PDB file of all heavy atoms in Angstrom:
ATOM      1  N   LEU A   1     -26.904  -2.286   2.062  1.00  0.00           N
ATOM      2  CA  LEU A   1     -25.700  -3.123   2.056  1.00  0.00           C
ATOM      3  C   LEU A   1     -24.466  -2.238   2.133  1.00  0.00           C
ATOM      4  O   LEU A   1     -24.259  -1.377   1.280  1.00  0.00           O
ATOM      5  CB  LEU A   1     -25.643  -3.980   0.786  1.00  0.00           C
ATOM      6  CG  LEU A   1     -24.366  -4.799   0.590  1.00  0.00           C
ATOM      7  CD1 LEU A   1     -24.231  -5.860   1.678  1.00  0.00           C
ATOM      8  CD2 LEU A   1     -24.347  -5.452  -0.787  1.00  0.00           C
ATOM      9  N   LYS A   2     -23.675  -2.427   3.156  1.00  0.00           N
ATOM     10  CA  LYS A   2     -22.409  -1.718   3.293  1.00  0.00           C
ATOM     11  C   LYS A   2     -21.282  -2.726   3.090  1.00  0.00           C
ATOM     12  O   LYS A   2     -21.322  -3.814   3.665  1.00  0.00           O
ATOM     13  CB  LYS A   2     -22.298  -1.062   4.670  1.00  0.00           C
ATOM     14  CG  LYS A   2     -23.347   0.017   4.913  1.00  0.00           C
ATOM     15  CD  LYS A   2     -23.104   0.711   6.229  1.00  0.00           C
ATOM     16  CE  LYS A   2     -24.173   1.712   6.571  1.00  0.00           C
ATOM     17  NZ  LYS A   2     -24.465   2.702   5.599  1.00  0.00           N
ATOM     18  N   ILE A   3     -20.322  -2.346   2.269  1.00  0.00           N
ATOM     19  CA  ILE A   3     -19.184  -3.223   2.008  1.00  0.00           C
ATOM     20  C   ILE A   3     -17.919  -2.544   2.499  1.00  0.00           C
ATOM     21  O   ILE A   3     -17.573  -1.453   2.039  1.00  0.00           O
ATOM     22  CB  ILE A   3     -19.062  -3.576   0.514  1.00  0.00           C
ATOM     23  CG1 ILE A   3     -20.319  -4.293   0.028  1.00  0.00           C
ATOM     24  CG2 ILE A   3     -17.823  -4.443   0.267  1.00  0.00           C
ATOM     25  CD1 ILE A   3     -20.343  -4.583  -1.459  1.00  0.00           C
ATOM     26  N   GLU A   4     -17.261  -3.188   3.458  1.00  0.00           N
ATOM     27  CA  GLU A   4     -15.959  -2.729   3.932  1.00  0.00           C
ATOM     28  C   GLU A   4     -14.903  -3.490   3.130  1.00  0.00           C
ATOM     29  O   GLU A   4     -14.781  -4.705   3.254  1.00  0.00           O
ATOM     30  CB  GLU A   4     -15.799  -3.004   5.422  1.00  0.00           C
ATOM     31  CG  GLU A   4     -16.763  -2.214   6.280  1.00  0.00           C
ATOM     32  CD  GLU A   4     -16.622  -2.503   7.761  1.00  0.00           C
ATOM     33  OE1 GLU A   4     -15.828  -3.401   8.135  1.00  0.00           O
ATOM     34  OE2 GLU A   4     -17.308  -1.827   8.540  1.00  0.00           O
ATOM     35  N   LEU A   5     -14.183  -2.761   2.300  1.00  0.00           N
ATOM     36  CA  LEU A   5     -13.192  -3.369   1.421  1.00  0.00           C
ATOM     37  C   LEU A   5     -11.819  -3.308   2.068  1.00  0.00           C
ATOM     38  O   LEU A   5     -11.292  -2.233   2.328  1.00  0.00           O
ATOM     39  CB  LEU A   5     -13.184  -2.639   0.073  1.00  0.00           C
ATOM     40  CG  LEU A   5     -12.186  -3.127  -0.965  1.00  0.00           C
ATOM     41  CD1 LEU A   5     -12.480  -4.575  -1.370  1.00  0.00           C
ATOM     42  CD2 LEU A   5     -12.205  -2.215  -2.184  1.00  0.00           C
ATOM     43  N   LEU A   6     -11.274  -4.477   2.360  1.00  0.00           N
ATOM     44  CA  LEU A   6      -9.910  -4.596   2.866  1.00  0.00           C
ATOM     45  C   LEU A   6      -9.052  -4.980   1.671  1.00  0.00           C
ATOM     46  O   LEU A   6      -9.110  -6.118   1.197  1.00  0.00           O
ATOM     47  CB  LEU A   6      -9.820  -5.663   3.968  1.00  0.00           C
ATOM     48  CG  LEU A   6     -10.389  -5.297   5.336  1.00  0.00           C
ATOM     49  CD1 LEU A   6     -11.881  -5.036   5.302  1.00  0.00           C
ATOM     50  CD2 LEU A   6     -10.085  -6.387   6.338  1.00  0.00           C
ATOM     51  N   HIS A   7      -8.311  -4.022   1.151  1.00  0.00           N
ATOM     52  CA  HIS A   7      -7.695  -4.129  -0.168  1.00  0.00           C
ATOM     53  C   HIS A   7      -6.182  -4.048  -0.041  1.00  0.00           C
ATOM     54  O   HIS A   7      -5.637  -3.018   0.365  1.00  0.00           O
ATOM     55  CB  HIS A   7      -8.230  -2.971  -1.019  1.00  0.00           C
ATOM     56  CG  HIS A   7      -7.858  -2.979  -2.458  1.00  0.00           C
ATOM     57  ND1 HIS A   7      -6.648  -3.406  -2.938  1.00  0.00           N
ATOM     58  CD2 HIS A   7      -8.553  -2.577  -3.540  1.00  0.00           C
ATOM     59  CE1 HIS A   7      -6.612  -3.269  -4.249  1.00  0.00           C
ATOM     60  NE2 HIS A   7      -7.766  -2.759  -4.635  1.00  0.00           N
ATOM     61  N   ALA A   8      -5.479  -5.125  -0.394  1.00  0.00           N
ATOM     62  CA  ALA A   8      -4.018  -5.113  -0.355  1.00  0.00           C
ATOM     63  C   ALA A   8      -3.485  -4.072  -1.337  1.00  0.00           C
ATOM     64  O   ALA A   8      -4.010  -3.903  -2.437  1.00  0.00           O
ATOM     65  CB  ALA A   8      -3.465  -6.491  -0.699  1.00  0.00           C
ATOM     66  N   LEU A   9      -2.459  -3.374  -0.902  1.00  0.00           N
ATOM     67  CA  LEU A   9      -1.836  -2.378  -1.769  1.00  0.00           C
ATOM     68  C   LEU A   9      -1.228  -3.051  -2.999  1.00  0.00           C
ATOM     69  O   LEU A   9      -0.575  -4.090  -2.885  1.00  0.00           O
ATOM     70  CB  LEU A   9      -0.740  -1.627  -1.002  1.00  0.00           C
ATOM     71  CG  LEU A   9      -1.236  -0.625   0.033  1.00  0.00           C
ATOM     72  CD1 LEU A   9      -0.108  -0.235   0.974  1.00  0.00           C
ATOM     73  CD2 LEU A   9      -1.827   0.593  -0.648  1.00  0.00           C
ATOM     74  N   VAL A  10      -1.476  -2.440  -4.143  1.00  0.00           N
ATOM     75  CA  VAL A  10      -0.874  -2.849  -5.414  1.00  0.00           C
ATOM     76  C   VAL A  10      -0.354  -1.578  -6.069  1.00  0.00           C
ATOM     77  O   VAL A  10      -0.455  -0.490  -5.495  1.00  0.00           O
ATOM     78  CB  VAL A  10      -1.897  -3.580  -6.327  1.00  0.00           C
ATOM     79  CG1 VAL A  10      -2.281  -4.928  -5.746  1.00  0.00           C
ATOM     80  CG2 VAL A  10      -3.130  -2.731  -6.575  1.00  0.00           C
ATOM     81  N   LYS A  11       0.181  -1.675  -7.270  1.00  0.00           N
ATOM     82  CA  LYS A  11       0.683  -0.485  -7.955  1.00  0.00           C
ATOM     83  C   LYS A  11      -0.374   0.610  -7.890  1.00  0.00           C
ATOM     84  O   LYS A  11      -1.560   0.358  -8.078  1.00  0.00           O
ATOM     85  CB  LYS A  11       1.026  -0.820  -9.401  1.00  0.00           C
ATOM     86  CG  LYS A  11       2.221  -1.739  -9.518  1.00  0.00           C
ATOM     87  CD  LYS A  11       2.508  -2.098 -10.952  1.00  0.00           C
ATOM     88  CE  LYS A  11       3.650  -3.089 -11.014  1.00  0.00           C
ATOM     89  NZ  LYS A  11       3.880  -3.598 -12.373  1.00  0.00           N
ATOM     90  N   PHE A  12       0.073   1.833  -7.625  1.00  0.00           N
ATOM     91  CA  PHE A  12      -0.860   2.895  -7.295  1.00  0.00           C
ATOM     92  C   PHE A  12      -1.876   3.208  -8.391  1.00  0.00           C
ATOM     93  O   PHE A  12      -3.011   3.549  -8.087  1.00  0.00           O
ATOM     94  CB  PHE A  12      -0.109   4.160  -6.878  1.00  0.00           C
ATOM     95  CG  PHE A  12       0.538   4.040  -5.524  1.00  0.00           C
ATOM     96  CD1 PHE A  12       1.754   4.632  -5.274  1.00  0.00           C
ATOM     97  CD2 PHE A  12      -0.068   3.329  -4.496  1.00  0.00           C
ATOM     98  CE1 PHE A  12       2.355   4.531  -4.031  1.00  0.00           C
ATOM     99  CE2 PHE A  12       0.524   3.210  -3.247  1.00  0.00           C
ATOM    100  CZ  PHE A  12       1.735   3.820  -3.019  1.00  0.00           C
ATOM    101  N   ASP A  13      -1.509   3.081  -9.660  1.00  0.00           N
ATOM    102  CA  ASP A  13      -2.515   3.358 -10.702  1.00  0.00           C
ATOM    103  C   ASP A  13      -3.655   2.341 -10.617  1.00  0.00           C
ATOM    104  O   ASP A  13      -4.832   2.695 -10.749  1.00  0.00           O
ATOM    105  CB  ASP A  13      -1.886   3.378 -12.100  1.00  0.00           C
ATOM    106  CG  ASP A  13      -1.196   2.079 -12.487  1.00  0.00           C
ATOM    107  OD1 ASP A  13      -0.768   1.308 -11.592  1.00  0.00           O
ATOM    108  OD2 ASP A  13      -1.077   1.823 -13.696  1.00  0.00           O
ATOM    109  N   ARG A  14      -3.335   1.097 -10.328  1.00  0.00           N
ATOM    110  CA  ARG A  14      -4.371   0.064 -10.189  1.00  0.00           C
ATOM    111  C   ARG A  14      -5.152   0.231  -8.890  1.00  0.00           C
ATOM    112  O   ARG A  14      -6.363   0.034  -8.854  1.00  0.00           O
ATOM    113  CB  ARG A  14      -3.742  -1.325 -10.243  1.00  0.00           C
ATOM    114  CG  ARG A  14      -3.146  -1.642 -11.596  1.00  0.00           C
ATOM    115  CD  ARG A  14      -2.516  -3.006 -11.592  1.00  0.00           C
ATOM    116  NE  ARG A  14      -1.915  -3.292 -12.879  1.00  0.00           N
ATOM    117  CZ  ARG A  14      -1.148  -4.333 -13.106  1.00  0.00           C
ATOM    118  NH1 ARG A  14      -0.904  -5.205 -12.153  1.00  0.00           N
ATOM    119  NH2 ARG A  14      -0.644  -4.534 -14.305  1.00  0.00           N
ATOM    120  N   PHE A  15      -4.451   0.584  -7.828  1.00  0.00           N
ATOM    121  CA  PHE A  15      -5.118   0.771  -6.541  1.00  0.00           C
ATOM    122  C   PHE A  15      -6.104   1.932  -6.623  1.00  0.00           C
ATOM    123  O   PHE A  15      -7.230   1.852  -6.131  1.00  0.00           O
ATOM    124  CB  PHE A  15      -4.085   1.003  -5.435  1.00  0.00           C
ATOM    125  CG  PHE A  15      -4.671   0.976  -4.061  1.00  0.00           C
ATOM    126  CD1 PHE A  15      -4.970  -0.227  -3.443  1.00  0.00           C
ATOM    127  CD2 PHE A  15      -4.940   2.154  -3.375  1.00  0.00           C
ATOM    128  CE1 PHE A  15      -5.533  -0.268  -2.169  1.00  0.00           C
ATOM    129  CE2 PHE A  15      -5.495   2.127  -2.108  1.00  0.00           C
ATOM    130  CZ  PHE A  15      -5.792   0.913  -1.500  1.00  0.00           C
ATOM    131  N   GLU A  16      -5.688   3.006  -7.270  1.00  0.00           N
ATOM    132  CA  GLU A  16      -6.562   4.171  -7.399  1.00  0.00           C
ATOM    133  C   GLU A  16      -7.757   3.877  -8.294  1.00  0.00           C
ATOM    134  O   GLU A  16      -8.861   4.364  -8.044  1.00  0.00           O
ATOM    135  CB  GLU A  16      -5.744   5.368  -7.893  1.00  0.00           C
ATOM    136  CG  GLU A  16      -4.779   5.839  -6.808  1.00  0.00           C
ATOM    137  CD  GLU A  16      -3.753   6.851  -7.268  1.00  0.00           C
ATOM    138  OE1 GLU A  16      -3.747   7.237  -8.455  1.00  0.00           O
ATOM    139  OE2 GLU A  16      -2.935   7.274  -6.403  1.00  0.00           O
ATOM    140  N   TRP A  17      -7.572   3.069  -9.311  1.00  0.00           N
ATOM    141  CA  TRP A  17      -8.696   2.640 -10.142  1.00  0.00           C
ATOM    142  C   TRP A  17      -9.675   1.834  -9.292  1.00  0.00           C
ATOM    143  O   TRP A  17     -10.887   2.002  -9.405  1.00  0.00           O
ATOM    144  CB  TRP A  17      -8.173   1.816 -11.319  1.00  0.00           C
ATOM    145  CG  TRP A  17      -9.198   1.477 -12.344  1.00  0.00           C
ATOM    146  CD1 TRP A  17      -9.548   2.213 -13.435  1.00  0.00           C
ATOM    147  CD2 TRP A  17     -10.002   0.282 -12.389  1.00  0.00           C
ATOM    148  NE1 TRP A  17     -10.528   1.558 -14.150  1.00  0.00           N
ATOM    149  CE2 TRP A  17     -10.825   0.376 -13.539  1.00  0.00           C
ATOM    150  CE3 TRP A  17     -10.107  -0.847 -11.576  1.00  0.00           C
ATOM    151  CZ2 TRP A  17     -11.727  -0.617 -13.883  1.00  0.00           C
ATOM    152  CZ3 TRP A  17     -11.015  -1.828 -11.926  1.00  0.00           C
ATOM    153  CH2 TRP A  17     -11.813  -1.712 -13.064  1.00  0.00           C
ATOM    154  N   SER A  18      -9.143   0.994  -8.416  1.00  0.00           N
ATOM    155  CA  SER A  18      -9.991   0.206  -7.523  1.00  0.00           C
ATOM    156  C   SER A  18     -10.773   1.096  -6.563  1.00  0.00           C
ATOM    157  O   SER A  18     -11.946   0.833  -6.278  1.00  0.00           O
ATOM    158  CB  SER A  18      -9.150  -0.777  -6.697  1.00  0.00           C
ATOM    159  OG  SER A  18      -8.623  -1.790  -7.500  1.00  0.00           O
ATOM    160  N   ILE A  19     -10.145   2.147  -6.059  1.00  0.00           N
ATOM    161  CA  ILE A  19     -10.854   3.084  -5.182  1.00  0.00           C
ATOM    162  C   ILE A  19     -12.025   3.702  -5.930  1.00  0.00           C
ATOM    163  O   ILE A  19     -13.149   3.762  -5.418  1.00  0.00           O
ATOM    164  CB  ILE A  19      -9.903   4.187  -4.665  1.00  0.00           C
ATOM    165  CG1 ILE A  19      -8.889   3.601  -3.694  1.00  0.00           C
ATOM    166  CG2 ILE A  19     -10.689   5.331  -4.007  1.00  0.00           C
ATOM    167  CD1 ILE A  19      -7.798   4.568  -3.282  1.00  0.00           C
ATOM    168  N   GLU A  20     -11.765   4.140  -7.147  1.00  0.00           N
ATOM    169  CA  GLU A  20     -12.817   4.762  -7.961  1.00  0.00           C
ATOM    170  C   GLU A  20     -13.985   3.803  -8.176  1.00  0.00           C
ATOM    171  O   GLU A  20     -15.147   4.139  -7.933  1.00  0.00           O
ATOM    172  CB  GLU A  20     -12.217   5.196  -9.304  1.00  0.00           C
ATOM    173  CG  GLU A  20     -13.186   5.851 -10.236  1.00  0.00           C
ATOM    174  CD  GLU A  20     -12.517   6.230 -11.550  1.00  0.00           C
ATOM    175  OE1 GLU A  20     -11.586   7.066 -11.521  1.00  0.00           O
ATOM    176  OE2 GLU A  20     -12.915   5.677 -12.598  1.00  0.00           O
ATOM    177  N   LYS A  21     -13.692   2.607  -8.627  1.00  0.00           N
ATOM    178  CA  LYS A  21     -14.762   1.655  -8.965  1.00  0.00           C
ATOM    179  C   LYS A  21     -15.457   1.106  -7.724  1.00  0.00           C
ATOM    180  O   LYS A  21     -16.678   0.923  -7.725  1.00  0.00           O
ATOM    181  CB  LYS A  21     -14.215   0.503  -9.825  1.00  0.00           C
ATOM    182  CG  LYS A  21     -13.596   0.950 -11.134  1.00  0.00           C
ATOM    183  CD  LYS A  21     -14.482   1.907 -11.900  1.00  0.00           C
ATOM    184  CE  LYS A  21     -13.790   2.462 -13.130  1.00  0.00           C
ATOM    185  NZ  LYS A  21     -14.494   3.619 -13.703  1.00  0.00           N
ATOM    186  N   SER A  22     -14.712   0.837  -6.662  1.00  0.00           N
ATOM    187  CA  SER A  22     -15.365   0.321  -5.459  1.00  0.00           C
ATOM    188  C   SER A  22     -16.249   1.394  -4.824  1.00  0.00           C
ATOM    189  O   SER A  22     -17.286   1.076  -4.229  1.00  0.00           O
ATOM    190  CB  SER A  22     -14.337  -0.218  -4.463  1.00  0.00           C
ATOM    191  OG  SER A  22     -13.463   0.799  -4.027  1.00  0.00           O
ATOM    192  N   THR A  23     -15.870   2.656  -4.962  1.00  0.00           N
ATOM    193  CA  THR A  23     -16.733   3.741  -4.484  1.00  0.00           C
ATOM    194  C   THR A  23     -18.029   3.765  -5.281  1.00  0.00           C
ATOM    195  O   THR A  23     -19.120   3.865  -4.712  1.00  0.00           O
ATOM    196  CB  THR A  23     -16.013   5.101  -4.593  1.00  0.00           C
ATOM    197  OG1 THR A  23     -14.843   5.075  -3.761  1.00  0.00           O
ATOM    198  CG2 THR A  23     -16.915   6.240  -4.168  1.00  0.00           C
ATOM    199  N   GLU A  24     -17.934   3.650  -6.591  1.00  0.00           N
ATOM    200  CA  GLU A  24     -19.136   3.608  -7.438  1.00  0.00           C
ATOM    201  C   GLU A  24     -20.027   2.419  -7.075  1.00  0.00           C
ATOM    202  O   GLU A  24     -21.251   2.511  -7.152  1.00  0.00           O
ATOM    203  CB  GLU A  24     -18.746   3.539  -8.913  1.00  0.00           C
ATOM    204  CG  GLU A  24     -18.114   4.812  -9.442  1.00  0.00           C
ATOM    205  CD  GLU A  24     -17.637   4.664 -10.873  1.00  0.00           C
ATOM    206  OE1 GLU A  24     -18.166   3.800 -11.612  1.00  0.00           O
ATOM    207  OE2 GLU A  24     -16.718   5.406 -11.269  1.00  0.00           O
ATOM    208  N   LEU A  25     -19.410   1.319  -6.669  1.00  0.00           N
ATOM    209  CA  LEU A  25     -20.164   0.112  -6.325  1.00  0.00           C
ATOM    210  C   LEU A  25     -20.631   0.103  -4.868  1.00  0.00           C
ATOM    211  O   LEU A  25     -21.241  -0.866  -4.429  1.00  0.00           O
ATOM    212  CB  LEU A  25     -19.322  -1.140  -6.621  1.00  0.00           C
ATOM    213  CG  LEU A  25     -19.189  -1.479  -8.097  1.00  0.00           C
ATOM    214  CD1 LEU A  25     -18.069  -2.497  -8.328  1.00  0.00           C
ATOM    215  CD2 LEU A  25     -20.505  -2.013  -8.646  1.00  0.00           C
ATOM    216  N   GLY A  26     -20.358   1.175  -4.136  1.00  0.00           N
ATOM    217  CA  GLY A  26     -20.949   1.312  -2.817  1.00  0.00           C
ATOM    218  C   GLY A  26     -20.087   0.959  -1.625  1.00  0.00           C
ATOM    219  O   GLY A  26     -20.614   0.778  -0.526  1.00  0.00           O
ATOM    220  N   ALA A  27     -18.767   0.875  -1.785  1.00  0.00           N
ATOM    221  CA  ALA A  27     -17.916   0.593  -0.618  1.00  0.00           C
ATOM    222  C   ALA A  27     -18.143   1.668   0.439  1.00  0.00           C
ATOM    223  O   ALA A  27     -18.189   2.859   0.133  1.00  0.00           O
ATOM    224  CB  ALA A  27     -16.443   0.560  -1.020  1.00  0.00           C
ATOM    225  N   SER A  28     -18.304   1.254   1.683  1.00  0.00           N
ATOM    226  CA  SER A  28     -18.490   2.219   2.766  1.00  0.00           C
ATOM    227  C   SER A  28     -17.165   2.555   3.456  1.00  0.00           C
ATOM    228  O   SER A  28     -17.026   3.611   4.062  1.00  0.00           O
ATOM    229  CB  SER A  28     -19.480   1.673   3.797  1.00  0.00           C
ATOM    230  OG  SER A  28     -19.004   0.461   4.346  1.00  0.00           O
ATOM    231  N   ARG A  29     -16.204   1.656   3.346  1.00  0.00           N
ATOM    232  CA  ARG A  29     -14.891   1.862   3.950  1.00  0.00           C
ATOM    233  C   ARG A  29     -13.870   1.124   3.092  1.00  0.00           C
ATOM    234  O   ARG A  29     -14.143   0.018   2.616  1.00  0.00           O
ATOM    235  CB  ARG A  29     -14.886   1.337   5.397  1.00  0.00           C
ATOM    236  CG  ARG A  29     -13.529   1.242   6.023  1.00  0.00           C
ATOM    237  CD  ARG A  29     -13.595   0.861   7.508  1.00  0.00           C
ATOM    238  NE  ARG A  29     -13.071   1.985   8.251  1.00  0.00           N
ATOM    239  CZ  ARG A  29     -13.773   2.851   8.956  1.00  0.00           C
ATOM    240  NH1 ARG A  29     -15.078   2.714   9.048  1.00  0.00           N
ATOM    241  NH2 ARG A  29     -13.192   3.845   9.583  1.00  0.00           N
ATOM    242  N   ILE A  30     -12.716   1.734   2.900  1.00  0.00           N
ATOM    243  CA  ILE A  30     -11.619   1.095   2.168  1.00  0.00           C
ATOM    244  C   ILE A  30     -10.396   1.118   3.077  1.00  0.00           C
ATOM    245  O   ILE A  30      -9.955   2.179   3.515  1.00  0.00           O
ATOM    246  CB  ILE A  30     -11.324   1.808   0.836  1.00  0.00           C
ATOM    247  CG1 ILE A  30     -12.566   1.801  -0.063  1.00  0.00           C
ATOM    248  CG2 ILE A  30     -10.130   1.161   0.137  1.00  0.00           C
ATOM    249  CD1 ILE A  30     -12.449   2.660  -1.313  1.00  0.00           C
ATOM    250  N   THR A  31      -9.887  -0.064   3.370  1.00  0.00           N
ATOM    251  CA  THR A  31      -8.718  -0.192   4.232  1.00  0.00           C
ATOM    252  C   THR A  31      -7.561  -0.759   3.418  1.00  0.00           C
ATOM    253  O   THR A  31      -7.598  -1.927   3.027  1.00  0.00           O
ATOM    254  CB  THR A  31      -9.009  -1.127   5.427  1.00  0.00           C
ATOM    255  OG1 THR A  31     -10.148  -0.627   6.141  1.00  0.00           O
ATOM    256  CG2 THR A  31      -7.821  -1.207   6.360  1.00  0.00           C
ATOM    257  N   PRO A  32      -6.545   0.062   3.118  1.00  0.00           N
ATOM    258  CA  PRO A  32      -5.371  -0.454   2.404  1.00  0.00           C
ATOM    259  C   PRO A  32      -4.581  -1.395   3.312  1.00  0.00           C
ATOM    260  O   PRO A  32      -4.355  -1.084   4.485  1.00  0.00           O
ATOM    261  CB  PRO A  32      -4.551   0.806   2.083  1.00  0.00           C
ATOM    262  CG  PRO A  32      -5.487   1.958   2.291  1.00  0.00           C
ATOM    263  CD  PRO A  32      -6.465   1.508   3.336  1.00  0.00           C
ATOM    264  N   LEU A  33      -4.208  -2.537   2.762  1.00  0.00           N
ATOM    265  CA  LEU A  33      -3.485  -3.544   3.542  1.00  0.00           C
ATOM    266  C   LEU A  33      -2.025  -3.633   3.105  1.00  0.00           C
ATOM    267  O   LEU A  33      -1.737  -3.773   1.920  1.00  0.00           O
ATOM    268  CB  LEU A  33      -4.147  -4.910   3.377  1.00  0.00           C
ATOM    269  CG  LEU A  33      -5.609  -5.036   3.784  1.00  0.00           C
ATOM    270  CD1 LEU A  33      -6.107  -6.448   3.530  1.00  0.00           C
ATOM    271  CD2 LEU A  33      -5.811  -4.630   5.237  1.00  0.00           C
ATOM    272  N   ALA A  34      -1.141  -3.586   4.070  1.00  0.00           N
ATOM    273  CA  ALA A  34       0.280  -3.802   3.824  1.00  0.00           C
ATOM    274  C   ALA A  34       0.548  -5.286   4.040  1.00  0.00           C
ATOM    275  O   ALA A  34       1.023  -5.709   5.090  1.00  0.00           O
ATOM    276  CB  ALA A  34       1.120  -2.946   4.764  1.00  0.00           C
ATOM    277  N   ALA A  35       0.197  -6.086   3.036  1.00  0.00           N
ATOM    278  CA  ALA A  35       0.314  -7.539   3.141  1.00  0.00           C
ATOM    279  C   ALA A  35       1.780  -7.973   3.028  1.00  0.00           C
ATOM    280  O   ALA A  35       2.639  -7.206   2.585  1.00  0.00           O
ATOM    281  CB  ALA A  35      -0.525  -8.203   2.046  1.00  0.00           C
ATOM    282  N   ALA A  36       2.032  -9.203   3.396  1.00  0.00           N
ATOM    283  CA  ALA A  36       3.405  -9.727   3.365  1.00  0.00           C
ATOM    284  C   ALA A  36       3.996  -9.677   1.958  1.00  0.00           C
ATOM    285  O   ALA A  36       5.193  -9.434   1.796  1.00  0.00           O
ATOM    286  CB  ALA A  36       3.430 -11.150   3.908  1.00  0.00           C
ATOM    287  N   ARG A  37       3.167  -9.894   0.939  1.00  0.00           N
ATOM    288  CA  ARG A  37       3.666  -9.909  -0.439  1.00  0.00           C
ATOM    289  C   ARG A  37       3.476  -8.571  -1.161  1.00  0.00           C
ATOM    290  O   ARG A  37       3.696  -8.488  -2.361  1.00  0.00           O
ATOM    291  CB  ARG A  37       2.992 -11.041  -1.210  1.00  0.00           C
ATOM    292  CG  ARG A  37       3.433 -12.400  -0.695  1.00  0.00           C
ATOM    293  CD  ARG A  37       2.880 -13.551  -1.500  1.00  0.00           C
ATOM    294  NE  ARG A  37       3.443 -14.794  -1.001  1.00  0.00           N
ATOM    295  CZ  ARG A  37       2.752 -15.920  -0.845  1.00  0.00           C
ATOM    296  NH1 ARG A  37       1.465 -15.967  -1.170  1.00  0.00           N
ATOM    297  NH2 ARG A  37       3.334 -17.001  -0.394  1.00  0.00           N
ATOM    298  N   THR A  38       3.089  -7.538  -0.425  1.00  0.00           N
ATOM    299  CA  THR A  38       3.011  -6.199  -1.011  1.00  0.00           C
ATOM    300  C   THR A  38       4.424  -5.655  -1.157  1.00  0.00           C
ATOM    301  O   THR A  38       5.244  -5.809  -0.248  1.00  0.00           O
ATOM    302  CB  THR A  38       2.189  -5.256  -0.104  1.00  0.00           C
ATOM    303  OG1 THR A  38       0.866  -5.760   0.019  1.00  0.00           O
ATOM    304  CG2 THR A  38       2.132  -3.852  -0.679  1.00  0.00           C
ATOM    305  N   ASP A  39       4.704  -5.028  -2.290  1.00  0.00           N
ATOM    306  CA  ASP A  39       6.026  -4.428  -2.482  1.00  0.00           C
ATOM    307  C   ASP A  39       6.290  -3.402  -1.397  1.00  0.00           C
ATOM    308  O   ASP A  39       5.466  -2.521  -1.139  1.00  0.00           O
ATOM    309  CB  ASP A  39       6.117  -3.744  -3.860  1.00  0.00           C
ATOM    310  CG  ASP A  39       6.186  -4.738  -5.005  1.00  0.00           C
ATOM    311  OD1 ASP A  39       6.531  -5.907  -4.761  1.00  0.00           O
ATOM    312  OD2 ASP A  39       5.893  -4.343  -6.149  1.00  0.00           O
ATOM    313  N   LYS A  40       7.436  -3.496  -0.763  1.00  0.00           N
ATOM    314  CA  LYS A  40       7.771  -2.608   0.353  1.00  0.00           C
ATOM    315  C   LYS A  40       7.808  -1.131  -0.039  1.00  0.00           C
ATOM    316  O   LYS A  40       7.384  -0.280   0.750  1.00  0.00           O
ATOM    317  CB  LYS A  40       9.109  -3.021   1.002  1.00  0.00           C
ATOM    318  CG  LYS A  40       9.099  -4.445   1.557  1.00  0.00           C
ATOM    319  CD  LYS A  40       7.892  -4.722   2.444  1.00  0.00           C
ATOM    320  CE  LYS A  40       7.802  -6.177   2.842  1.00  0.00           C
ATOM    321  NZ  LYS A  40       6.466  -6.723   2.767  1.00  0.00           N
ATOM    322  N   PRO A  41       8.293  -0.749  -1.241  1.00  0.00           N
ATOM    323  CA  PRO A  41       8.243   0.673  -1.611  1.00  0.00           C
ATOM    324  C   PRO A  41       6.809   1.216  -1.678  1.00  0.00           C
ATOM    325  O   PRO A  41       6.575   2.380  -1.368  1.00  0.00           O
ATOM    326  CB  PRO A  41       8.906   0.719  -2.992  1.00  0.00           C
ATOM    327  CG  PRO A  41       9.787  -0.481  -3.034  1.00  0.00           C
ATOM    328  CD  PRO A  41       9.076  -1.525  -2.220  1.00  0.00           C
ATOM    329  N   LEU A  42       5.844   0.369  -2.040  1.00  0.00           N
ATOM    330  CA  LEU A  42       4.444   0.806  -2.054  1.00  0.00           C
ATOM    331  C   LEU A  42       3.964   1.105  -0.644  1.00  0.00           C
ATOM    332  O   LEU A  42       3.274   2.100  -0.414  1.00  0.00           O
ATOM    333  CB  LEU A  42       3.548  -0.261  -2.688  1.00  0.00           C
ATOM    334  CG  LEU A  42       3.677  -0.503  -4.185  1.00  0.00           C
ATOM    335  CD1 LEU A  42       2.778  -1.664  -4.605  1.00  0.00           C
ATOM    336  CD2 LEU A  42       3.321   0.742  -4.966  1.00  0.00           C
ATOM    337  N   VAL A  43       4.329   0.247   0.286  1.00  0.00           N
ATOM    338  CA  VAL A  43       3.926   0.447   1.679  1.00  0.00           C
ATOM    339  C   VAL A  43       4.523   1.749   2.195  1.00  0.00           C
ATOM    340  O   VAL A  43       3.836   2.557   2.842  1.00  0.00           O
ATOM    341  CB  VAL A  43       4.352  -0.743   2.560  1.00  0.00           C
ATOM    342  CG1 VAL A  43       4.032  -0.475   4.022  1.00  0.00           C
ATOM    343  CG2 VAL A  43       3.686  -2.030   2.090  1.00  0.00           C
TER     344      VAL A  43
END
């Protein structure tokens, strides 16, 4: 099972925690998303 995670950008400490945990859970690809409601400074 390969999981491609399309993950909207959030505050970097939370986003980085998500990278860590999704990697442990087997994500094969992580694509940060610059969504319409993502804070522009984060993008």
